[in-house]
N, C-alpha and C. Protein backbone atom coordinates (compact mmCIF):
# COMPACT_ATOMS: atom_id res chain seq x y z
N MET A 1 144.73 -22.85 83.96
CA MET A 1 144.86 -24.16 84.62
C MET A 1 143.82 -24.50 85.52
N THR A 2 143.23 -25.67 85.66
CA THR A 2 142.15 -25.83 86.54
C THR A 2 142.56 -27.18 87.43
N THR A 3 141.91 -27.51 88.38
CA THR A 3 141.87 -28.65 89.27
C THR A 3 141.16 -29.72 88.73
N LEU A 4 141.65 -31.02 89.15
CA LEU A 4 140.87 -32.08 88.79
C LEU A 4 139.63 -32.04 89.47
N ARG A 5 139.66 -31.76 90.84
CA ARG A 5 138.28 -31.66 91.56
C ARG A 5 137.34 -30.80 90.81
N GLU A 6 137.83 -29.76 90.55
CA GLU A 6 136.80 -28.68 89.76
C GLU A 6 136.04 -29.20 88.53
N LYS A 7 137.04 -30.28 87.89
CA LYS A 7 136.33 -30.69 86.46
C LYS A 7 135.38 -31.80 86.75
N LEU A 8 135.50 -32.57 88.01
CA LEU A 8 134.88 -33.81 88.30
C LEU A 8 133.73 -33.44 89.01
N VAL A 9 133.57 -32.05 89.58
CA VAL A 9 132.28 -31.88 90.40
C VAL A 9 130.87 -32.25 89.90
N ASP A 10 130.75 -31.99 88.49
CA ASP A 10 129.46 -32.11 87.75
C ASP A 10 129.16 -33.51 87.36
N ILE A 11 130.16 -34.46 87.68
CA ILE A 11 129.95 -35.77 87.04
C ILE A 11 128.57 -36.55 88.27
N ASN A 12 127.81 -36.96 87.65
CA ASN A 12 126.55 -37.58 88.31
C ASN A 12 126.42 -38.99 87.87
N GLY A 13 127.22 -40.12 88.64
CA GLY A 13 127.11 -41.30 88.25
C GLY A 13 128.65 -41.69 87.58
N ALA A 14 128.38 -41.92 86.22
CA ALA A 14 129.80 -42.20 85.47
C ALA A 14 130.01 -41.53 84.37
N THR A 15 131.02 -41.23 83.78
CA THR A 15 131.14 -40.80 82.26
C THR A 15 132.53 -41.10 81.96
N PHE A 16 132.71 -40.93 80.54
CA PHE A 16 134.08 -40.96 79.86
C PHE A 16 134.84 -40.17 79.75
N ILE A 17 136.17 -40.12 79.83
CA ILE A 17 137.11 -39.12 79.96
C ILE A 17 138.60 -39.63 79.17
N GLY A 18 139.15 -38.63 78.77
CA GLY A 18 140.29 -38.93 78.26
C GLY A 18 141.56 -38.42 79.23
N ILE A 19 142.42 -39.05 79.35
CA ILE A 19 143.75 -38.44 80.36
C ILE A 19 145.01 -38.55 79.68
N ASP A 20 145.81 -37.75 80.08
CA ASP A 20 147.20 -37.61 79.81
C ASP A 20 148.03 -37.91 80.91
N THR A 21 148.82 -38.68 81.07
CA THR A 21 149.61 -38.69 82.48
C THR A 21 151.16 -38.82 82.42
N GLU A 22 151.84 -38.32 83.20
CA GLU A 22 153.36 -38.39 83.25
C GLU A 22 153.73 -38.83 84.66
N THR A 23 154.50 -40.04 84.61
CA THR A 23 154.71 -40.60 86.07
C THR A 23 156.27 -41.20 85.84
N PRO A 24 156.79 -41.07 87.05
CA PRO A 24 158.24 -41.50 87.27
C PRO A 24 158.42 -42.98 86.85
N VAL A 25 159.51 -43.44 86.28
CA VAL A 25 159.89 -44.68 86.07
C VAL A 25 160.97 -45.09 86.93
N LYS A 26 160.65 -46.20 87.73
CA LYS A 26 161.43 -46.89 88.49
C LYS A 26 162.37 -47.77 87.66
N LEU A 27 163.57 -47.54 87.34
CA LEU A 27 164.31 -48.46 86.50
C LEU A 27 165.03 -49.60 87.38
N THR A 28 165.35 -50.69 86.59
CA THR A 28 166.28 -51.50 87.54
C THR A 28 167.73 -51.38 87.49
N GLY A 29 168.29 -52.00 88.61
CA GLY A 29 169.74 -51.57 88.68
C GLY A 29 170.03 -50.63 89.83
N GLY A 30 168.90 -50.06 90.36
CA GLY A 30 168.95 -49.24 91.62
C GLY A 30 169.81 -48.15 91.39
N LEU A 31 170.39 -47.47 92.32
CA LEU A 31 171.20 -46.41 92.29
C LEU A 31 172.37 -46.29 91.37
N LYS A 32 172.78 -47.71 90.96
CA LYS A 32 173.80 -47.78 90.10
C LYS A 32 173.51 -47.29 88.61
N ASN A 33 172.13 -47.43 88.36
CA ASN A 33 171.78 -46.99 87.14
C ASN A 33 171.84 -45.49 86.90
N PRO A 34 172.56 -45.06 85.78
CA PRO A 34 172.53 -43.44 85.94
C PRO A 34 171.52 -42.77 85.30
N LEU A 35 170.54 -43.71 84.96
CA LEU A 35 169.14 -42.85 84.37
C LEU A 35 168.31 -42.92 85.61
N GLN A 36 168.40 -43.49 86.80
CA GLN A 36 167.53 -43.49 87.72
C GLN A 36 166.97 -42.15 88.22
N GLY A 37 165.83 -41.94 88.10
CA GLY A 37 165.19 -40.50 88.71
C GLY A 37 165.17 -39.51 87.52
N HIS A 38 165.66 -39.98 86.48
CA HIS A 38 165.57 -39.00 85.38
C HIS A 38 164.61 -39.34 84.27
N VAL A 39 163.84 -40.46 84.33
CA VAL A 39 163.07 -41.23 83.33
C VAL A 39 161.56 -40.94 83.81
N THR A 40 160.76 -40.43 82.76
CA THR A 40 159.20 -40.54 83.17
C THR A 40 158.72 -41.08 81.77
N LYS A 41 157.27 -41.56 82.07
CA LYS A 41 156.67 -42.05 81.11
C LYS A 41 155.33 -41.45 80.81
N LEU A 42 155.26 -40.80 79.49
CA LEU A 42 154.06 -40.10 79.07
C LEU A 42 153.15 -40.67 78.51
N VAL A 43 151.91 -40.68 78.75
CA VAL A 43 150.83 -41.63 78.20
C VAL A 43 149.86 -40.60 77.86
N GLU A 44 149.78 -40.24 76.66
CA GLU A 44 148.67 -39.34 75.96
C GLU A 44 147.48 -40.07 75.22
N GLY A 45 146.25 -39.62 75.84
CA GLY A 45 144.98 -39.95 75.24
C GLY A 45 144.61 -41.42 75.60
N SER A 46 144.80 -41.86 76.76
CA SER A 46 143.99 -42.81 77.39
C SER A 46 142.58 -42.75 77.62
N SER A 47 141.79 -43.53 77.35
CA SER A 47 140.30 -43.39 77.50
C SER A 47 139.89 -44.35 78.81
N VAL A 48 139.19 -43.68 79.78
CA VAL A 48 138.88 -44.24 80.93
C VAL A 48 137.43 -43.91 81.28
N MET A 49 136.92 -44.43 82.20
CA MET A 49 135.43 -44.21 82.86
C MET A 49 135.67 -44.07 84.34
N VAL A 50 135.21 -42.63 84.71
CA VAL A 50 135.22 -42.13 86.10
C VAL A 50 133.68 -42.57 86.63
N PHE A 51 133.94 -42.87 87.96
CA PHE A 51 132.50 -43.18 88.55
C PHE A 51 132.36 -42.55 90.13
N THR A 52 131.22 -42.16 90.32
CA THR A 52 131.21 -41.55 91.59
C THR A 52 130.20 -42.42 92.70
N ASN A 53 129.79 -43.49 92.39
CA ASN A 53 129.50 -44.36 93.25
C ASN A 53 128.44 -43.90 94.04
N GLN A 54 127.54 -43.00 93.66
CA GLN A 54 126.69 -42.35 94.55
C GLN A 54 125.65 -43.27 94.82
N ARG A 55 125.07 -44.11 93.99
CA ARG A 55 123.90 -44.98 94.20
C ARG A 55 124.11 -46.47 94.18
N SER A 56 125.35 -46.79 93.60
CA SER A 56 125.69 -48.23 93.45
C SER A 56 127.24 -48.09 93.07
N ASN A 57 127.98 -49.21 93.06
CA ASN A 57 129.22 -49.34 92.89
C ASN A 57 129.48 -49.80 91.08
N ALA A 58 130.11 -48.63 90.58
CA ALA A 58 130.08 -48.92 89.04
C ALA A 58 130.89 -50.13 88.49
N TYR A 59 131.99 -50.45 89.28
CA TYR A 59 132.73 -51.57 89.16
C TYR A 59 132.14 -52.91 89.23
N SER A 60 131.38 -53.05 90.34
CA SER A 60 130.73 -54.02 90.53
C SER A 60 129.70 -54.32 89.62
N ASN A 61 128.91 -53.23 89.11
CA ASN A 61 127.83 -53.15 88.10
C ASN A 61 128.40 -53.89 87.06
N MET A 62 129.71 -53.39 86.21
CA MET A 62 130.24 -53.61 85.08
C MET A 62 130.57 -55.12 85.35
N VAL A 63 131.14 -55.48 86.23
CA VAL A 63 131.56 -57.05 86.36
C VAL A 63 130.25 -57.96 86.20
N LYS A 64 129.45 -57.24 86.96
CA LYS A 64 128.07 -58.53 86.80
C LYS A 64 127.44 -58.48 85.32
N ARG A 65 127.41 -57.14 85.00
CA ARG A 65 126.87 -57.24 83.45
C ARG A 65 127.80 -58.35 82.33
N ARG A 66 129.02 -57.97 82.69
CA ARG A 66 129.85 -58.87 81.89
C ARG A 66 129.86 -60.30 82.01
N LEU A 67 129.78 -60.58 83.39
CA LEU A 67 129.49 -62.12 83.77
C LEU A 67 128.10 -62.64 83.20
N GLU A 68 127.11 -61.67 83.25
CA GLU A 68 125.71 -62.23 82.76
C GLU A 68 126.00 -62.44 81.06
N ALA A 69 126.60 -61.29 80.71
CA ALA A 69 127.16 -61.34 79.09
C ALA A 69 127.60 -62.86 78.77
N GLU A 70 128.48 -63.25 79.40
CA GLU A 70 129.25 -64.60 79.28
C GLU A 70 128.73 -65.71 79.69
N GLY A 71 127.33 -65.42 80.00
CA GLY A 71 126.77 -66.78 80.41
C GLY A 71 127.19 -67.37 81.84
N LYS A 72 127.59 -66.40 82.75
CA LYS A 72 128.01 -67.09 84.04
C LYS A 72 126.96 -66.24 85.11
N ASN A 73 127.32 -66.91 86.34
CA ASN A 73 126.56 -66.44 87.16
C ASN A 73 126.89 -65.30 88.05
N ALA A 74 126.38 -64.18 87.78
CA ALA A 74 126.92 -62.94 88.32
C ALA A 74 126.52 -62.77 89.83
N GLU A 75 125.68 -63.65 90.29
CA GLU A 75 125.31 -63.46 91.70
C GLU A 75 126.62 -63.92 92.73
N GLN A 76 127.48 -64.89 92.09
CA GLN A 76 128.53 -65.16 92.83
C GLN A 76 129.53 -64.21 92.96
N PHE A 77 129.75 -63.17 92.01
CA PHE A 77 130.48 -62.06 92.59
C PHE A 77 130.26 -61.34 93.64
N ILE A 78 131.21 -61.37 94.53
CA ILE A 78 131.16 -60.69 95.53
C ILE A 78 132.45 -59.25 95.81
N LEU A 79 131.86 -58.23 95.63
CA LEU A 79 132.94 -56.96 95.79
C LEU A 79 133.61 -57.32 97.05
N GLY A 80 134.90 -57.08 96.93
CA GLY A 80 135.83 -57.25 98.22
C GLY A 80 135.94 -55.72 98.72
N VAL A 81 136.68 -55.62 99.91
CA VAL A 81 136.61 -54.25 100.54
C VAL A 81 138.12 -53.73 99.91
N ARG A 82 138.19 -52.27 99.99
CA ARG A 82 138.98 -51.40 99.45
C ARG A 82 140.46 -51.84 100.06
N ALA A 83 141.53 -52.30 99.23
CA ALA A 83 142.68 -52.64 99.88
C ALA A 83 143.56 -51.37 100.48
N TRP A 84 143.37 -50.33 99.93
CA TRP A 84 143.97 -48.95 100.51
C TRP A 84 143.18 -47.83 100.34
N GLY A 85 143.37 -46.69 100.90
CA GLY A 85 142.95 -45.65 100.75
C GLY A 85 141.40 -45.27 101.24
N GLU A 86 140.97 -44.19 101.05
CA GLU A 86 139.48 -44.00 101.49
C GLU A 86 139.05 -43.07 100.20
N ARG A 87 137.96 -43.81 99.80
CA ARG A 87 136.97 -42.96 98.62
C ARG A 87 136.44 -41.52 99.42
N ILE A 88 136.69 -40.66 98.55
CA ILE A 88 135.98 -39.31 98.94
C ILE A 88 134.55 -39.25 98.35
N PRO A 89 133.46 -39.09 99.43
CA PRO A 89 132.24 -39.53 99.05
C PRO A 89 131.64 -38.93 97.70
N ASN A 90 131.08 -39.32 96.90
CA ASN A 90 130.32 -38.98 95.80
C ASN A 90 131.39 -38.47 94.76
N THR A 91 132.44 -38.98 94.63
CA THR A 91 133.56 -38.65 93.72
C THR A 91 134.31 -39.83 93.35
N PRO A 92 135.04 -39.67 92.17
CA PRO A 92 136.18 -40.94 91.85
C PRO A 92 137.27 -40.74 92.50
N LEU A 93 137.40 -40.00 93.51
CA LEU A 93 138.71 -39.76 94.04
C LEU A 93 138.95 -40.56 95.46
N ILE A 94 140.32 -40.69 95.44
CA ILE A 94 140.70 -41.67 96.79
C ILE A 94 141.76 -41.03 97.64
N ASP A 95 141.52 -40.92 98.61
CA ASP A 95 142.51 -39.96 99.72
C ASP A 95 143.33 -41.43 100.54
N HIS A 96 144.64 -41.13 100.29
CA HIS A 96 145.55 -42.18 100.65
C HIS A 96 146.95 -41.52 101.44
N ASN A 97 147.08 -41.49 102.49
CA ASN A 97 148.41 -41.00 103.16
C ASN A 97 148.64 -39.53 102.80
N GLY A 98 147.43 -38.77 102.34
CA GLY A 98 147.80 -37.30 102.27
C GLY A 98 147.71 -37.09 100.79
N GLU A 99 147.81 -38.10 100.02
CA GLU A 99 147.76 -37.88 98.58
C GLU A 99 146.40 -38.27 98.03
N ILE A 100 146.14 -37.66 96.95
CA ILE A 100 144.93 -37.65 96.36
C ILE A 100 144.97 -38.49 95.02
N TYR A 101 144.09 -39.52 94.61
CA TYR A 101 144.20 -40.46 93.69
C TYR A 101 142.91 -40.42 92.76
N LEU A 102 142.89 -40.72 91.49
CA LEU A 102 141.83 -40.61 90.71
C LEU A 102 141.64 -42.29 90.30
N GLU A 103 140.46 -42.88 90.80
CA GLU A 103 140.29 -44.29 90.43
C GLU A 103 139.39 -44.25 89.21
N VAL A 104 139.79 -44.96 88.21
CA VAL A 104 138.98 -45.37 86.99
C VAL A 104 138.87 -46.72 86.55
N ILE A 105 137.87 -46.97 85.65
CA ILE A 105 137.75 -48.33 84.94
C ILE A 105 138.58 -47.92 83.75
N PHE A 106 139.69 -48.51 83.39
CA PHE A 106 140.50 -48.38 82.34
C PHE A 106 140.01 -49.03 81.10
N LEU A 107 140.03 -48.22 79.94
CA LEU A 107 139.34 -48.87 78.68
C LEU A 107 140.28 -49.05 77.80
N ARG A 108 141.18 -47.97 77.43
CA ARG A 108 141.92 -47.99 76.25
C ARG A 108 143.36 -47.16 76.57
N ALA A 109 144.23 -47.72 76.40
CA ALA A 109 145.69 -47.07 76.60
C ALA A 109 146.08 -46.02 75.33
N GLY A 110 146.55 -45.01 75.79
CA GLY A 110 147.05 -43.97 74.89
C GLY A 110 148.26 -44.24 74.25
N THR A 111 149.12 -43.32 73.76
CA THR A 111 150.31 -43.26 72.96
C THR A 111 151.40 -43.24 74.09
N VAL A 112 152.40 -44.08 74.17
CA VAL A 112 153.37 -44.01 75.34
C VAL A 112 154.66 -43.47 74.83
N LYS A 113 155.28 -42.49 75.46
CA LYS A 113 156.65 -42.07 75.26
C LYS A 113 157.31 -41.78 76.71
N TYR A 114 158.57 -42.14 76.44
CA TYR A 114 159.44 -42.19 77.40
C TYR A 114 160.50 -40.60 77.27
N LEU A 115 160.39 -40.22 78.28
CA LEU A 115 161.41 -38.72 78.50
C LEU A 115 162.47 -39.18 79.37
N VAL A 116 163.65 -38.71 78.96
CA VAL A 116 164.85 -38.55 79.86
C VAL A 116 164.91 -37.05 79.97
N ASP A 117 164.83 -36.66 81.45
CA ASP A 117 165.11 -35.06 81.86
C ASP A 117 164.15 -34.54 80.67
N GLY A 118 163.25 -34.80 80.46
CA GLY A 118 162.07 -34.00 79.60
C GLY A 118 162.32 -34.18 78.05
N ILE A 119 163.23 -34.79 77.65
CA ILE A 119 163.40 -35.28 76.39
C ILE A 119 163.07 -36.53 75.74
N GLU A 120 162.37 -36.46 74.70
CA GLU A 120 161.69 -37.96 74.29
C GLU A 120 162.81 -38.54 73.82
N THR A 121 163.02 -40.15 74.40
CA THR A 121 164.00 -40.96 74.16
C THR A 121 163.26 -42.24 73.72
N ALA A 122 163.87 -42.94 72.85
CA ALA A 122 163.42 -44.34 72.49
C ALA A 122 163.56 -45.28 73.64
N ALA A 123 162.55 -46.30 73.92
CA ALA A 123 162.58 -47.05 74.96
C ALA A 123 163.64 -47.79 74.86
N ALA A 124 164.34 -48.10 73.66
CA ALA A 124 165.54 -49.02 73.39
C ALA A 124 166.75 -48.38 74.02
N ASP A 125 166.81 -47.12 73.94
CA ASP A 125 167.92 -46.50 74.43
C ASP A 125 167.91 -46.40 76.13
N ILE A 126 166.96 -46.78 76.82
CA ILE A 126 166.93 -46.63 78.20
C ILE A 126 167.17 -47.86 78.90
N THR A 127 168.20 -48.01 79.61
CA THR A 127 168.76 -49.08 80.39
C THR A 127 167.76 -49.23 81.53
N GLY A 128 167.33 -50.41 81.88
CA GLY A 128 166.78 -50.73 82.86
C GLY A 128 165.29 -50.61 83.07
N LEU A 129 164.78 -50.30 81.81
CA LEU A 129 163.27 -50.15 81.94
C LEU A 129 162.63 -51.47 82.22
N PRO A 130 161.69 -51.39 83.12
CA PRO A 130 161.11 -52.86 83.90
C PRO A 130 160.14 -53.44 82.71
N PRO A 131 160.18 -54.68 82.75
CA PRO A 131 159.37 -55.46 81.51
C PRO A 131 157.72 -55.07 81.78
N ARG A 132 157.15 -55.20 80.78
CA ARG A 132 155.79 -54.84 80.83
C ARG A 132 155.18 -55.70 81.58
N LYS A 133 154.15 -55.44 82.46
CA LYS A 133 153.18 -56.25 83.36
C LYS A 133 152.24 -56.82 82.75
N GLU A 134 151.95 -58.01 82.60
CA GLU A 134 150.47 -58.57 82.39
C GLU A 134 149.49 -58.17 83.30
N GLU A 135 148.08 -58.27 82.93
CA GLU A 135 147.12 -57.79 83.71
C GLU A 135 146.83 -58.98 84.48
N ALA A 136 146.43 -58.97 85.83
CA ALA A 136 146.14 -60.20 86.51
C ALA A 136 144.75 -60.71 86.25
N GLU A 137 144.65 -62.09 86.62
CA GLU A 137 143.45 -62.74 86.49
C GLU A 137 142.38 -62.08 87.14
N GLN A 138 141.11 -62.35 86.58
CA GLN A 138 139.98 -61.64 87.06
C GLN A 138 138.73 -62.89 87.19
N GLY A 139 138.81 -63.41 88.55
CA GLY A 139 137.75 -64.51 88.90
C GLY A 139 136.83 -64.96 87.78
N GLY A 140 137.25 -65.41 86.72
CA GLY A 140 136.27 -66.01 85.85
C GLY A 140 135.86 -65.22 84.60
N LEU A 141 136.13 -63.98 84.61
CA LEU A 141 135.67 -62.96 83.75
C LEU A 141 136.53 -62.90 82.53
N ASP A 142 136.17 -63.24 81.27
CA ASP A 142 136.85 -63.22 79.99
C ASP A 142 137.32 -61.92 79.76
N ASN A 143 136.10 -60.87 79.82
CA ASN A 143 136.27 -59.45 79.22
C ASN A 143 136.50 -58.90 80.92
N LYS A 144 137.74 -58.72 81.08
CA LYS A 144 138.13 -57.97 82.38
C LYS A 144 137.61 -56.50 82.50
N VAL A 145 137.39 -56.18 83.87
CA VAL A 145 137.07 -54.83 83.96
C VAL A 145 138.53 -54.52 84.83
N ILE A 146 139.08 -53.53 84.24
CA ILE A 146 140.42 -53.13 84.92
C ILE A 146 140.36 -51.91 85.70
N ILE A 147 140.56 -51.88 86.86
CA ILE A 147 140.69 -50.53 87.64
C ILE A 147 142.02 -50.21 87.72
N ARG A 148 142.31 -48.76 87.42
CA ARG A 148 143.53 -48.09 87.67
C ARG A 148 143.33 -46.94 88.47
N THR A 149 144.33 -46.56 89.25
CA THR A 149 144.42 -45.67 90.22
C THR A 149 145.29 -44.62 89.75
N TYR A 150 145.45 -43.50 89.46
CA TYR A 150 146.40 -42.49 89.13
C TYR A 150 146.67 -41.31 90.38
N LYS A 151 147.74 -41.20 90.53
CA LYS A 151 148.01 -40.36 91.44
C LYS A 151 147.41 -38.86 90.80
N VAL A 152 146.85 -37.93 91.51
CA VAL A 152 146.18 -36.88 90.60
C VAL A 152 147.58 -36.00 90.20
N SER A 153 148.65 -35.71 91.00
CA SER A 153 149.62 -34.88 90.34
C SER A 153 150.36 -35.56 89.32
N SER A 154 150.06 -36.70 88.70
CA SER A 154 150.51 -37.26 87.71
C SER A 154 149.61 -37.00 86.29
N ILE A 155 148.65 -36.56 86.71
CA ILE A 155 147.51 -36.26 85.48
C ILE A 155 148.03 -34.80 84.98
N LYS A 156 148.34 -34.90 83.63
CA LYS A 156 148.61 -33.50 83.04
C LYS A 156 147.40 -32.85 82.39
N ARG A 157 146.55 -33.66 81.67
CA ARG A 157 145.23 -33.29 81.01
C ARG A 157 144.13 -34.10 81.18
N VAL A 158 143.17 -33.67 81.19
CA VAL A 158 141.91 -34.25 80.93
C VAL A 158 141.04 -33.97 79.83
N THR A 159 140.27 -34.93 79.26
CA THR A 159 139.38 -34.48 78.06
C THR A 159 137.81 -34.85 78.57
N ILE A 160 136.95 -34.04 78.68
CA ILE A 160 135.70 -34.19 79.06
C ILE A 160 134.73 -33.53 78.23
N ASP A 161 133.92 -34.23 77.40
CA ASP A 161 133.04 -33.63 76.73
C ASP A 161 133.58 -32.88 75.55
N LYS A 162 134.68 -33.34 75.08
CA LYS A 162 135.53 -32.87 73.73
C LYS A 162 136.19 -31.78 74.32
N GLU A 163 136.12 -31.23 75.48
CA GLU A 163 136.98 -30.27 75.87
C GLU A 163 138.14 -30.48 76.78
N THR A 164 139.43 -29.93 76.47
CA THR A 164 140.64 -30.59 77.14
C THR A 164 141.13 -29.60 77.99
N TYR A 165 141.43 -29.87 79.21
CA TYR A 165 141.80 -28.93 80.37
C TYR A 165 143.20 -29.45 80.82
N ALA A 166 144.08 -28.49 80.97
CA ALA A 166 145.37 -28.62 81.59
C ALA A 166 145.20 -28.51 82.97
N LEU A 167 145.81 -29.34 83.79
CA LEU A 167 145.53 -29.35 85.34
C LEU A 167 146.88 -29.01 86.16
N HIS A 168 146.58 -28.58 87.34
CA HIS A 168 147.56 -28.53 88.26
C HIS A 168 146.83 -29.34 89.36
N ALA A 169 147.75 -30.02 90.26
CA ALA A 169 147.24 -30.76 91.54
C ALA A 169 146.45 -29.55 92.40
């Protein structure tokens, strides 16, 4: 097993990786729901781009390129300040309240499975699964640039340059 930091140390600029994540699912119904605290969502094979922002901001650059491609004024785009956490310099990692997160540009979702106490279970059999969220609007951009931030402890595997690594935090 290796740490995510060890695998990201050689990234210079941006690169594409695959990630597998397992995250707890907060069910509706609060503590009355007997499955509360027993359900996780396993997503295998998501494609993302990680970026180090060493010379410029990859998110800002991508938004501006897409605005230009859509025939819109890219100069009107102004990158806002980070809403939470502090970026660890020259990495795609965010430090927030003692937890480390991986910030990515989300490209393609992987295969979703739900687990109840580690056993794969059909979504239809899980009472209280929250409805799927729609992506937020993005200031005039038709082809959105989606940022996602994953808690590093939720990332189970990464694939970089066709090599897959199991991780531990």
